[in-house]
C-alpha atoms as a PDB file:
ATOM      1  CA  MET A   1       0.000   0.000   0.000  1.00  0.00           C
ATOM      2  CA  LYS A   2       1.345   3.422  -0.891  1.00  0.00           C
ATOM      3  CA  GLU A   3       1.562   6.161   1.704  1.00  0.00           C
ATOM      4  CA  GLU A   4      -0.395   8.641  -0.493  1.00  0.00           C
ATOM      5  CA  MET A   5      -3.461   6.450   0.047  1.00  0.00           C
ATOM      6  CA  PHE A   6      -3.528   7.682   3.651  1.00  0.00           C
ATOM      7  CA  LYS A   7      -3.698  11.041   5.376  1.00  0.00           C
ATOM      8  CA  VAL A   8      -1.579  11.242   8.528  1.00  0.00           C
ATOM      9  CA  VAL A   9      -1.121  14.265  10.766  1.00  0.00           C
ATOM     10  CA  VAL A  10       1.034  13.244  13.719  1.00  0.00           C
ATOM     11  CA  GLY A  11       0.179  14.524  17.176  1.00  0.00           C
ATOM     12  CA  GLN A  12       2.464  14.826  20.188  1.00  0.00           C
ATOM     13  CA  TYR A  13       5.250  12.245  20.306  1.00  0.00           C
ATOM     14  CA  LYS A  14       7.821  13.932  22.544  1.00  0.00           C
ATOM     15  CA  GLY A  15       7.310  14.423  26.259  1.00  0.00           C
ATOM     16  CA  LEU A  16       4.734  11.656  26.629  1.00  0.00           C
ATOM     17  CA  VAL A  17       3.968  10.628  30.203  1.00  0.00           C
ATOM     18  CA  ALA A  18       4.278   6.890  30.852  1.00  0.00           C
ATOM     19  CA  GLU A  19       5.976   4.365  33.095  1.00  0.00           C
ATOM     20  CA  ARG A  20       7.161   0.808  32.548  1.00  0.00           C
ATOM     21  CA  GLU A  21       5.630  -1.990  34.558  1.00  0.00           C
ATOM     22  CA  SER A  22       7.865  -4.050  36.813  1.00  0.00           C
ATOM     23  CA  ALA A  23       9.792  -6.832  35.095  1.00  0.00           C
ATOM     24  CA  GLU A  24      10.318  -8.695  38.348  1.00  0.00           C
ATOM     25  CA  VAL A  25       9.561 -12.426  38.196  1.00  0.00           C
ATOM     26  CA  THR A  26       7.434 -13.527  41.158  1.00  0.00           C
ATOM     27  CA  GLU A  27       7.881 -16.808  42.990  1.00  0.00           C
ATOM     28  CA  ALA A  28       4.425 -17.869  41.778  1.00  0.00           C
ATOM     29  CA  GLU A  29       5.410 -17.255  38.141  1.00  0.00           C
ATOM     30  CA  LEU A  30       8.654 -19.154  38.595  1.00  0.00           C
ATOM     31  CA  GLU A  31       6.896 -22.074  40.281  1.00  0.00           C
ATOM     32  CA  GLN A  32       4.251 -22.283  37.554  1.00  0.00           C
ATOM     33  CA  THR A  33       6.864 -22.244  34.788  1.00  0.00           C
ATOM     34  CA  CYS A  34       9.036 -24.818  36.550  1.00  0.00           C
ATOM     35  CA  LYS A  35       6.053 -27.133  36.919  1.00  0.00           C
ATOM     36  CA  ALA A  36       5.272 -26.794  33.220  1.00  0.00           C
ATOM     37  CA  GLN A  37       8.905 -27.483  32.284  1.00  0.00           C
ATOM     38  CA  ALA A  38       9.115 -30.493  34.619  1.00  0.00           C
ATOM     39  CA  ARG A  39       5.963 -31.966  33.093  1.00  0.00           C
ATOM     40  CA  ARG A  40       7.730 -32.157  29.743  1.00  0.00           C
ATOM     41  CA  PHE A  41       9.751 -35.007  31.269  1.00  0.00           C
ATOM     42  CA  LYS A  42       6.863 -36.719  33.055  1.00  0.00           C
ATOM     43  CA  GLN A  43       6.388 -40.490  33.026  1.00  0.00           C
ATOM     44  CA  ASN A  44       3.058 -42.283  33.068  1.00  0.00           C
ATOM     45  CA  ILE A  45       3.156 -45.528  35.076  1.00  0.00           C
ATOM     46  CA  GLU A  46       0.216 -47.903  34.846  1.00  0.00           C
ATOM     47  CA  VAL A  47      -1.521 -48.836  38.114  1.00  0.00           C
ATOM     48  CA  THR A  48      -3.962 -51.725  38.593  1.00  0.00           C
ATOM     49  CA  ASP A  49      -4.532 -51.795  42.349  1.00  0.00           C
ATOM     50  CA  ARG A  50      -6.628 -48.673  42.860  1.00  0.00           C
ATOM     51  CA  PRO A  51      -9.346 -46.548  41.230  1.00  0.00           C
ATOM     52  CA  VAL A  52      -8.935 -43.290  39.317  1.00  0.00           C
ATOM     53  CA  GLN A  53      -7.539 -40.380  41.336  1.00  0.00           C
ATOM     54  CA  ASN A  54      -7.238 -36.700  40.512  1.00  0.00           C
ATOM     55  CA  GLY A  55      -4.067 -36.176  38.449  1.00  0.00           C
ATOM     56  CA  ASP A  56      -4.154 -39.644  36.866  1.00  0.00           C
ATOM     57  CA  VAL A  57      -4.346 -40.281  33.140  1.00  0.00           C
ATOM     58  CA  ALA A  58      -7.370 -42.461  32.447  1.00  0.00           C
ATOM     59  CA  THR A  59      -7.627 -44.049  29.009  1.00  0.00           C
ATOM     60  CA  ILE A  60     -11.337 -44.093  28.201  1.00  0.00           C
ATOM     61  CA  ASP A  61     -13.976 -44.956  25.643  1.00  0.00           C
ATOM     62  CA  TYR A  62     -16.954 -42.627  25.742  1.00  0.00           C
ATOM     63  CA  GLU A  63     -20.175 -41.743  23.926  1.00  0.00           C
ATOM     64  CA  GLY A  64     -22.476 -38.805  24.584  1.00  0.00           C
ATOM     65  CA  PHE A  65     -26.269 -38.721  24.382  1.00  0.00           C
ATOM     66  CA  ILE A  66     -28.868 -35.955  24.516  1.00  0.00           C
ATOM     67  CA  ASP A  67     -32.438 -37.097  25.216  1.00  0.00           C
ATOM     68  CA  GLY A  68     -31.228 -40.653  24.595  1.00  0.00           C
ATOM     69  CA  VAL A  69     -29.858 -39.888  21.127  1.00  0.00           C
ATOM     70  CA  ALA A  70     -26.122 -39.962  20.346  1.00  0.00           C
ATOM     71  CA  PHE A  71     -24.853 -36.629  18.992  1.00  0.00           C
ATOM     72  CA  ALA A  72     -22.158 -35.941  16.395  1.00  0.00           C
ATOM     73  CA  GLY A  73     -18.653 -35.522  17.784  1.00  0.00           C
ATOM     74  CA  GLY A  74     -19.569 -37.014  21.144  1.00  0.00           C
ATOM     75  CA  LYS A  75     -17.812 -40.358  20.737  1.00  0.00           C
ATOM     76  CA  GLY A  76     -14.211 -41.387  21.310  1.00  0.00           C
ATOM     77  CA  GLU A  77     -12.169 -44.544  21.884  1.00  0.00           C
ATOM     78  CA  GLY A  78      -8.832 -45.032  23.645  1.00  0.00           C
ATOM     79  CA  PHE A  79      -8.690 -41.392  24.684  1.00  0.00           C
ATOM     80  CA  PRO A  80      -6.015 -40.545  27.327  1.00  0.00           C
ATOM     81  CA  LEU A  81      -7.647 -38.016  29.649  1.00  0.00           C
ATOM     82  CA  GLU A  82      -5.695 -36.380  32.460  1.00  0.00           C
ATOM     83  CA  ILE A  83      -8.112 -35.976  35.353  1.00  0.00           C
ATOM     84  CA  GLY A  84      -8.139 -32.375  36.537  1.00  0.00           C
ATOM     85  CA  SER A  85      -6.706 -30.935  33.322  1.00  0.00           C
ATOM     86  CA  GLY A  86      -9.990 -29.284  32.368  1.00  0.00           C
ATOM     87  CA  MET A  87      -9.726 -30.719  28.871  1.00  0.00           C
ATOM     88  CA  PHE A  88     -13.344 -31.894  28.869  1.00  0.00           C
ATOM     89  CA  ILE A  89     -16.403 -29.825  29.753  1.00  0.00           C
ATOM     90  CA  PRO A  90     -16.914 -28.978  33.447  1.00  0.00           C
ATOM     91  CA  GLY A  91     -18.157 -31.902  35.555  1.00  0.00           C
ATOM     92  CA  PHE A  92     -16.897 -34.660  33.248  1.00  0.00           C
ATOM     93  CA  GLU A  93     -13.499 -35.454  34.742  1.00  0.00           C
ATOM     94  CA  GLU A  94     -14.601 -35.156  38.362  1.00  0.00           C
ATOM     95  CA  GLN A  95     -17.185 -37.921  37.894  1.00  0.00           C
ATOM     96  CA  LEU A  96     -14.495 -40.402  36.829  1.00  0.00           C
ATOM     97  CA  VAL A  97     -12.655 -40.168  40.156  1.00  0.00           C
ATOM     98  CA  GLY A  98     -13.147 -43.465  42.017  1.00  0.00           C
ATOM     99  CA  ALA A  99     -13.837 -45.548  38.882  1.00  0.00           C
ATOM    100  CA  GLU A 100     -12.018 -48.884  38.505  1.00  0.00           C
ATOM    101  CA  VAL A 101     -10.376 -50.307  35.397  1.00  0.00           C
ATOM    102  CA  GLY A 102     -13.042 -52.003  33.285  1.00  0.00           C
ATOM    103  CA  GLN A 103     -15.853 -50.085  34.967  1.00  0.00           C
ATOM    104  CA  THR A 104     -18.475 -48.182  32.974  1.00  0.00           C
ATOM    105  CA  VAL A 105     -19.578 -44.865  34.459  1.00  0.00           C
ATOM    106  CA  ASP A 106     -22.603 -42.713  33.602  1.00  0.00           C
ATOM    107  CA  VAL A 107     -21.493 -39.095  33.565  1.00  0.00           C
ATOM    108  CA  ASN A 108     -24.387 -36.652  33.784  1.00  0.00           C
ATOM    109  CA  LEU A 109     -23.786 -32.957  33.140  1.00  0.00           C
ATOM    110  CA  SER A 110     -24.880 -29.952  31.097  1.00  0.00           C
ATOM    111  CA  PHE A 111     -22.962 -28.217  28.343  1.00  0.00           C
ATOM    112  CA  PRO A 112     -21.925 -24.635  29.228  1.00  0.00           C
ATOM    113  CA  ALA A 113     -24.335 -21.967  28.016  1.00  0.00           C
ATOM    114  CA  ASP A 114     -21.524 -20.397  25.983  1.00  0.00           C
ATOM    115  CA  TYR A 115     -20.346 -23.690  24.433  1.00  0.00           C
ATOM    116  CA  HIS A 116     -18.933 -23.126  20.927  1.00  0.00           C
ATOM    117  CA  ALA A 117     -21.371 -25.593  19.305  1.00  0.00           C
ATOM    118  CA  SER A 118     -24.664 -23.707  19.567  1.00  0.00           C
ATOM    119  CA  ASP A 119     -26.763 -26.881  19.056  1.00  0.00           C
ATOM    120  CA  LEU A 120     -25.277 -28.312  22.292  1.00  0.00           C
ATOM    121  CA  ALA A 121     -24.955 -25.139  24.399  1.00  0.00           C
ATOM    122  CA  GLY A 122     -26.803 -25.349  27.700  1.00  0.00           C
ATOM    123  CA  LYS A 123     -28.253 -28.816  27.067  1.00  0.00           C
ATOM    124  CA  PRO A 124     -28.108 -31.672  29.617  1.00  0.00           C
ATOM    125  CA  ALA A 125     -26.210 -34.743  28.407  1.00  0.00           C
ATOM    126  CA  LEU A 126     -25.312 -38.278  29.442  1.00  0.00           C
ATOM    127  CA  PHE A 127     -21.875 -39.682  28.658  1.00  0.00           C
ATOM    128  CA  VAL A 128     -21.345 -43.425  28.955  1.00  0.00           C
ATOM    129  CA  VAL A 129     -17.669 -43.825  29.838  1.00  0.00           C
ATOM    130  CA  LYS A 130     -15.598 -46.991  30.136  1.00  0.00           C
ATOM    131  CA  VAL A 131     -12.239 -46.836  31.931  1.00  0.00           C
ATOM    132  CA  ASN A 132      -9.689 -49.005  30.114  1.00  0.00           C
ATOM    133  CA  LYS A 133      -6.460 -48.048  31.883  1.00  0.00           C
ATOM    134  CA  ILE A 134      -5.232 -45.928  34.774  1.00  0.00           C
ATOM    135  CA  GLU A 135      -1.776 -44.331  34.817  1.00  0.00           C
ATOM    136  CA  GLU A 136      -0.053 -42.396  37.573  1.00  0.00           C
ATOM    137  CA  VAL A 137       1.778 -39.276  36.410  1.00  0.00           C
ATOM    138  CA  HIS A 138       5.303 -38.979  37.808  1.00  0.00           C
ATOM    139  CA  VAL A 139       6.896 -35.525  37.383  1.00  0.00           C
ATOM    140  CA  PRO A 140      10.632 -35.227  38.158  1.00  0.00           C
ATOM    141  CA  GLU A 141      12.027 -32.570  40.487  1.00  0.00           C
ATOM    142  CA  LEU A 142      14.155 -30.015  38.694  1.00  0.00           C
ATOM    143  CA  ASP A 143      17.789 -29.455  39.650  1.00  0.00           C
ATOM    144  CA  LYS A 144      18.597 -26.067  41.230  1.00  0.00           C
ATOM    145  CA  SER A 145      20.782 -25.101  38.275  1.00  0.00           C
ATOM    146  CA  VAL A 146      17.890 -25.807  35.904  1.00  0.00           C
ATOM    147  CA  VAL A 147      15.579 -23.658  38.034  1.00  0.00           C
ATOM    148  CA  ALA A 148      18.157 -20.855  37.909  1.00  0.00           C
ATOM    149  CA  ASP A 149      18.303 -21.105  34.105  1.00  0.00           C
ATOM    150  CA  ILE A 150      14.510 -21.040  33.881  1.00  0.00           C
ATOM    151  CA  LYS A 151      14.394 -17.932  36.074  1.00  0.00           C
ATOM    152  CA  ALA A 152      16.983 -16.179  33.898  1.00  0.00           C
ATOM    153  CA  GLN A 153      14.927 -16.975  30.791  1.00  0.00           C
ATOM    154  CA  LEU A 154      11.751 -15.768  32.503  1.00  0.00           C
ATOM    155  CA  VAL A 155      13.401 -12.490  33.472  1.00  0.00           C
ATOM    156  CA  GLU A 156      14.494 -11.894  29.878  1.00  0.00           C
ATOM    157  CA  GLN A 157      11.063 -12.806  28.498  1.00  0.00           C
ATOM    158  CA  LYS A 158       9.313 -10.545  30.987  1.00  0.00           C
ATOM    159  CA  LYS A 159      11.644  -7.643  30.167  1.00  0.00           C
ATOM    160  CA  GLN A 160      10.761  -8.040  26.502  1.00  0.00           C
ATOM    161  CA  LYS A 161       7.030  -8.175  27.259  1.00  0.00           C
ATOM    162  CA  VAL A 162       7.218  -5.144  29.548  1.00  0.00           C
ATOM    163  CA  GLU A 163       9.120  -3.189  26.897  1.00  0.00           C
ATOM    164  CA  GLU A 164       6.619  -4.200  24.205  1.00  0.00           C
ATOM    165  CA  LEU A 165       3.708  -3.133  26.416  1.00  0.00           C
ATOM    166  CA  PHE A 166       5.471   0.164  27.199  1.00  0.00           C
ATOM    167  CA  GLU A 167       6.010   0.875  23.502  1.00  0.00           C
ATOM    168  CA  ASN A 168       2.409  -0.023  22.634  1.00  0.00           C
ATOM    169  CA  THR A 169       1.159   2.328  25.355  1.00  0.00           C
ATOM    170  CA  LEU A 170       3.219   5.176  23.927  1.00  0.00           C
ATOM    171  CA  VAL A 171       2.067   4.567  20.366  1.00  0.00           C
ATOM    172  CA  LYS A 172      -1.580   4.489  21.484  1.00  0.00           C
ATOM    173  CA  GLN A 173      -1.075   7.889  23.119  1.00  0.00           C
ATOM    174  CA  ILE A 174       0.317   9.248  19.859  1.00  0.00           C
ATOM    175  CA  ILE A 175      -2.590   7.846  17.865  1.00  0.00           C
ATOM    176  CA  GLU A 176      -5.058   9.557  20.219  1.00  0.00           C
ATOM    177  CA  THR A 177      -3.606  12.985  19.347  1.00  0.00           C
ATOM    178  CA  SER A 178      -3.013  12.205  15.659  1.00  0.00           C
ATOM    179  CA  GLU A 179      -5.240  12.379  12.617  1.00  0.00           C
ATOM    180  CA  VAL A 180      -5.143   9.178  10.574  1.00  0.00           C
ATOM    181  CA  GLN A 181      -7.549   8.792   7.690  1.00  0.00           C
ATOM    182  CA  MET A 182      -7.962   5.603   5.698  1.00  0.00           C
ATOM    183  CA  GLU A 183     -10.599   3.780   3.695  1.00  0.00           C
ATOM    184  CA  GLU A 184     -12.478   0.690   4.890  1.00  0.00           C
ATOM    185  CA  ASP A 185     -10.701  -1.341   2.201  1.00  0.00           C
ATOM    186  CA  HIS A 186      -7.386  -0.659   3.913  1.00  0.00           C
ATOM    187  CA  LEU A 187      -8.701  -2.048   7.208  1.00  0.00           C
ATOM    188  CA  ALA A 188     -10.192  -5.073   5.469  1.00  0.00           C
ATOM    189  CA  GLN A 189      -6.851  -5.820   3.781  1.00  0.00           C
ATOM    190  CA  GLU A 190      -4.996  -5.493   7.079  1.00  0.00           C
ATOM    191  CA  ALA A 191      -7.496  -7.773   8.841  1.00  0.00           C
ATOM    192  CA  MET A 192      -7.151 -10.429   6.141  1.00  0.00           C
ATOM    193  CA  LEU A 193      -3.357 -10.153   6.411  1.00  0.00           C
ATOM    194  CA  MET A 194      -3.685 -10.826  10.143  1.00  0.00           C
ATOM    195  CA  VAL A 195      -5.882 -13.849   9.377  1.00  0.00           C
ATOM    196  CA  GLU A 196      -3.171 -15.242   7.089  1.00  0.00           C
ATOM    197  CA  GLU A 197      -0.574 -14.683   9.813  1.00  0.00           C
ATOM    198  CA  TRP A 198      -2.831 -16.474  12.306  1.00  0.00           C
ATOM    199  CA  LYS A 199      -3.245 -19.411   9.922  1.00  0.00           C
ATOM    200  CA  ALA A 200       0.530 -19.684   9.483  1.00  0.00           C
ATOM    201  CA  MET A 201       0.983 -19.720  13.277  1.00  0.00           C
ATOM    202  CA  VAL A 202      -1.655 -22.456  13.657  1.00  0.00           C
ATOM    203  CA  ARG A 203       0.078 -24.572  10.996  1.00  0.00           C
ATOM    204  CA  GLN A 204       3.389 -24.201  12.842  1.00  0.00           C
ATOM    205  CA  GLN A 205       1.656 -25.722  15.869  1.00  0.00           C
ATOM    206  CA  GLY A 206       0.719 -28.757  13.775  1.00  0.00           C
ATOM    207  CA  MET A 207      -2.972 -27.933  13.349  1.00  0.00           C
ATOM    208  CA  ASP A 208      -5.179 -27.377  10.326  1.00  0.00           C
ATOM    209  CA  PRO A 209      -6.474 -23.768  10.553  1.00  0.00           C
ATOM    210  CA  ASP A 210      -9.522 -24.451   8.383  1.00  0.00           C
ATOM    211  CA  GLN A 211     -10.507 -27.428  10.527  1.00  0.00           C
ATOM    212  CA  TYR A 212      -9.903 -25.397  13.674  1.00  0.00           C
ATOM    213  CA  LEU A 213     -12.157 -22.601  12.415  1.00  0.00           C
ATOM    214  CA  LYS A 214     -14.839 -25.133  11.507  1.00  0.00           C
ATOM    215  CA  GLN A 215     -14.774 -26.612  15.012  1.00  0.00           C
ATOM    216  CA  MET A 216     -15.206 -23.103  16.430  1.00  0.00           C
ATOM    217  CA  GLY A 217     -18.157 -22.466  14.117  1.00  0.00           C
ATOM    218  CA  MET A 218     -16.269 -19.732  12.258  1.00  0.00           C
ATOM    219  CA  ASP A 219     -14.794 -18.954   8.863  1.00  0.00           C
ATOM    220  CA  GLU A 220     -12.042 -16.620   7.647  1.00  0.00           C
ATOM    221  CA  MET A 221     -14.392 -13.676   7.048  1.00  0.00           C
ATOM    222  CA  LEU A 222     -15.858 -13.893  10.555  1.00  0.00           C
ATOM    223  CA  LEU A 223     -12.368 -14.112  12.051  1.00  0.00           C
ATOM    224  CA  ALA A 224     -11.302 -11.077  10.001  1.00  0.00           C
ATOM    225  CA  THR A 225     -14.333  -9.174  11.297  1.00  0.00           C
ATOM    226  CA  GLN A 226     -13.350  -9.989  14.869  1.00  0.00           C
ATOM    227  CA  MET A 227      -9.806  -8.779  14.140  1.00  0.00           C
ATOM    228  CA  ILE A 228     -10.858  -5.457  12.654  1.00  0.00           C
ATOM    229  CA  ASN A 229     -10.092  -3.413  15.799  1.00  0.00           C
ATOM    230  CA  GLN A 230      -6.638  -4.995  16.108  1.00  0.00           C
ATOM    231  CA  ALA A 231      -6.096  -4.362  12.405  1.00  0.00           C
ATOM    232  CA  GLU A 232      -7.009  -0.695  12.803  1.00  0.00           C
ATOM    233  CA  LEU A 233      -4.630  -0.248  15.728  1.00  0.00           C
ATOM    234  CA  ARG A 234      -1.781  -2.036  13.935  1.00  0.00           C
ATOM    235  CA  LEU A 235      -2.269  -0.052  10.733  1.00  0.00           C
ATOM    236  CA  LYS A 236      -2.502   3.288  12.528  1.00  0.00           C
ATOM    237  CA  SER A 237       0.561   2.426  14.620  1.00  0.00           C
ATOM    238  CA  ARG A 238       2.603   1.736  11.524  1.00  0.00           C
ATOM    239  CA  LEU A 239       1.412   4.894   9.798  1.00  0.00           C
ATOM    240  CA  VAL A 240       2.164   7.273  12.671  1.00  0.00           C
ATOM    241  CA  LEU A 241       5.614   5.737  13.238  1.00  0.00           C
ATOM    242  CA  GLU A 242       6.422   6.077   9.547  1.00  0.00           C
ATOM    243  CA  ALA A 243       5.187   9.670   9.629  1.00  0.00           C
ATOM    244  CA  ILE A 244       7.429  10.424  12.619  1.00  0.00           C
ATOM    245  CA  ALA A 245      10.380   8.850  10.794  1.00  0.00           C
ATOM    246  CA  GLN A 246       9.715  11.057   7.782  1.00  0.00           C
ATOM    247  CA  GLN A 247       9.319  14.141   9.972  1.00  0.00           C
ATOM    248  CA  GLU A 248      12.590  13.392  11.785  1.00  0.00           C
ATOM    249  CA  GLY A 249      14.435  12.423   8.599  1.00  0.00           C
ATOM    250  CA  PHE A 250      15.171   8.873   9.708  1.00  0.00           C
ATOM    251  CA  GLU A 251      16.567   6.540   7.055  1.00  0.00           C
ATOM    252  CA  ALA A 252      17.507   2.863   6.931  1.00  0.00           C
ATOM    253  CA  THR A 253      21.200   2.949   6.108  1.00  0.00           C
ATOM    254  CA  GLU A 254      23.113   0.134   4.473  1.00  0.00           C
ATOM    255  CA  ALA A 255      24.740  -0.575   7.845  1.00  0.00           C
ATOM    256  CA  ASP A 256      21.288  -0.788   9.485  1.00  0.00           C
ATOM    257  CA  VAL A 257      20.083  -3.277   6.878  1.00  0.00           C
ATOM    258  CA  ASN A 258      23.236  -5.380   7.175  1.00  0.00           C
ATOM    259  CA  ASP A 259      22.850  -5.507  10.965  1.00  0.00           C
ATOM    260  CA  GLU A 260      19.314  -6.835  10.539  1.00  0.00           C
ATOM    261  CA  LEU A 261      20.476  -9.385   7.963  1.00  0.00           C
ATOM    262  CA  ASP A 262      23.142 -10.572  10.410  1.00  0.00           C
ATOM    263  CA  LYS A 263      20.474 -11.080  13.097  1.00  0.00           C
ATOM    264  CA  MET A 264      18.293 -12.994  10.651  1.00  0.00           C
ATOM    265  CA  ALA A 265      21.284 -15.125   9.631  1.00  0.00           C
ATOM    266  CA  ILE A 266      21.854 -16.126  13.265  1.00  0.00           C
ATOM    267  CA  MET A 267      18.152 -16.856  13.763  1.00  0.00           C
ATOM    268  CA  TYR A 268      17.806 -19.028  10.650  1.00  0.00           C
ATOM    269  CA  GLN A 269      21.381 -20.374  10.764  1.00  0.00           C
ATOM    270  CA  ILE A 270      22.268 -19.396   7.228  1.00  0.00           C
ATOM    271  CA  SER A 271      24.677 -16.794   5.865  1.00  0.00           C
ATOM    272  CA  PRO A 272      23.642 -13.123   5.399  1.00  0.00           C
ATOM    273  CA  GLU A 273      24.508 -13.511   1.711  1.00  0.00           C
ATOM    274  CA  ASP A 274      22.037 -16.389   1.340  1.00  0.00           C
ATOM    275  CA  ILE A 275      19.337 -14.356   3.075  1.00  0.00           C
ATOM    276  CA  LYS A 276      20.013 -11.376   0.837  1.00  0.00           C
ATOM    277  CA  ALA A 277      19.773 -13.617  -2.233  1.00  0.00           C
ATOM    278  CA  LYS A 278      16.407 -14.982  -1.125  1.00  0.00           C
ATOM    279  CA  LEU A 279      14.824 -11.627  -0.268  1.00  0.00           C
ATOM    280  CA  GLN A 280      12.866  -9.843  -2.962  1.00  0.00           C
ATOM    281  CA  SER A 281      12.669  -6.070  -3.374  1.00  0.00           C
ATOM    282  CA  GLU A 282       9.411  -5.786  -1.396  1.00  0.00           C
ATOM    283  CA  HIS A 283      11.038  -7.650   1.483  1.00  0.00           C
ATOM    284  CA  PHE A 284      13.873  -5.125   1.570  1.00  0.00           C
ATOM    285  CA  LYS A 285      11.328  -2.283   1.541  1.00  0.00           C
ATOM    286  CA  ALA A 286       9.513  -3.844   4.482  1.00  0.00           C
ATOM    287  CA  LEU A 287      12.814  -4.338   6.319  1.00  0.00           C
ATOM    288  CA  GLU A 288      13.784  -0.708   5.747  1.00  0.00           C
ATOM    289  CA  ALA A 289      10.355   0.420   6.969  1.00  0.00           C
ATOM    290  CA  ASP A 290      10.774  -1.638  10.146  1.00  0.00           C
ATOM    291  CA  ILE A 291      14.159  -0.012  10.757  1.00  0.00           C
ATOM    292  CA  ARG A 292      12.729   3.492  10.335  1.00  0.00           C
ATOM    293  CA  MET A 293       9.856   2.700  12.695  1.00  0.00           C
ATOM    294  CA  ARG A 294      12.263   1.271  15.269  1.00  0.00           C
ATOM    295  CA  LYS A 295      14.210   4.547  15.159  1.00  0.00           C
ATOM    296  CA  SER A 296      10.941   6.411  15.734  1.00  0.00           C
ATOM    297  CA  ILE A 297      10.173   4.220  18.760  1.00  0.00           C
ATOM    298  CA  GLU A 298      13.619   4.813  20.244  1.00  0.00           C
ATOM    299  CA  LEU A 299      13.211   8.581  19.820  1.00  0.00           C
ATOM    300  CA  ILE A 300       9.784   8.495  21.487  1.00  0.00           C
ATOM    301  CA  LYS A 301      11.124   6.501  24.449  1.00  0.00           C
ATOM    302  CA  LYS A 302      14.107   8.841  24.798  1.00  0.00           C
ATOM    303  CA  HIS A 303      11.760  11.763  25.436  1.00  0.00           C
ATOM    304  CA  VAL A 304       9.295  10.031  27.762  1.00  0.00           C
ATOM    305  CA  VAL A 305       8.531  11.776  31.051  1.00  0.00           C
ATOM    306  CA  SER A 306       7.948   9.644  34.142  1.00  0.00           C
ATOM    307  CA  PRO A 307       4.730  10.407  36.085  1.00  0.00           C
ATOM    308  CA  SER A 308       6.846  10.889  39.221  1.00  0.00           C
ATOM    309  CA  ALA A 309       8.826  13.642  37.470  1.00  0.00           C
ATOM    310  CA  LYS A 310       5.760  15.786  36.796  1.00  0.00           C
END
């Protein structure tokens, strides 16, 4: 999209009043992350001398009925369900506690009123569940050095998140005092671009985005509609930062571009020359735009006034 398609009059961007949040990692955050990391190395050990307990993995066959009639998507076989994980609808897992291997349990509950499948939302249902196997979950205790490494990573991640939030807060302030005019087509294009980015992220996680949308009762157009406010904010943010860069005379120098190529080379583990050969002209334009906007952000942060200083 060409800049002449937009009208941008930048408001105040120097002397903004804002303060960063704390980047301190709490003990609760560290404990939660350590538990999640430890569970990556968990072992499931089959038990045969007791019934299902909270925290166990129960391998089950199940079928759901509403008014005595089986409903689509309500049947599964050999499903490993961790009791207490909240994977199934509320009330399901709790009713399996105390069941023995080989036992069939009637699970009675109601679907949540806001359940994603509107034909099931709020309706009472019966699930006939057979317990085939019970496994105890054994989670190892992390070494102190591993915990220290996890904390260091958490601190770095939180610093990045705090800085991103700080920058977003500043840009929102600038947008509030700026005049940014655009057509609805521009927003629609940005929203669809965000949908494509979302689909790529879902694929990276090993899921089919179209199937995921179908399960949620949505399609691409509905998702784009829901993203329209985010698209507007992202588009306006980019436009005001580019306008500031132009006003301040910021440019992406050859050294700036090479520095970014070096970072990309480290990230993708290929040479800067190979990256440069693969990038097309529009990619270089986007890279240069990112560099100019980053310079705008750094200028804005340099002139921020702390609330305590006023």
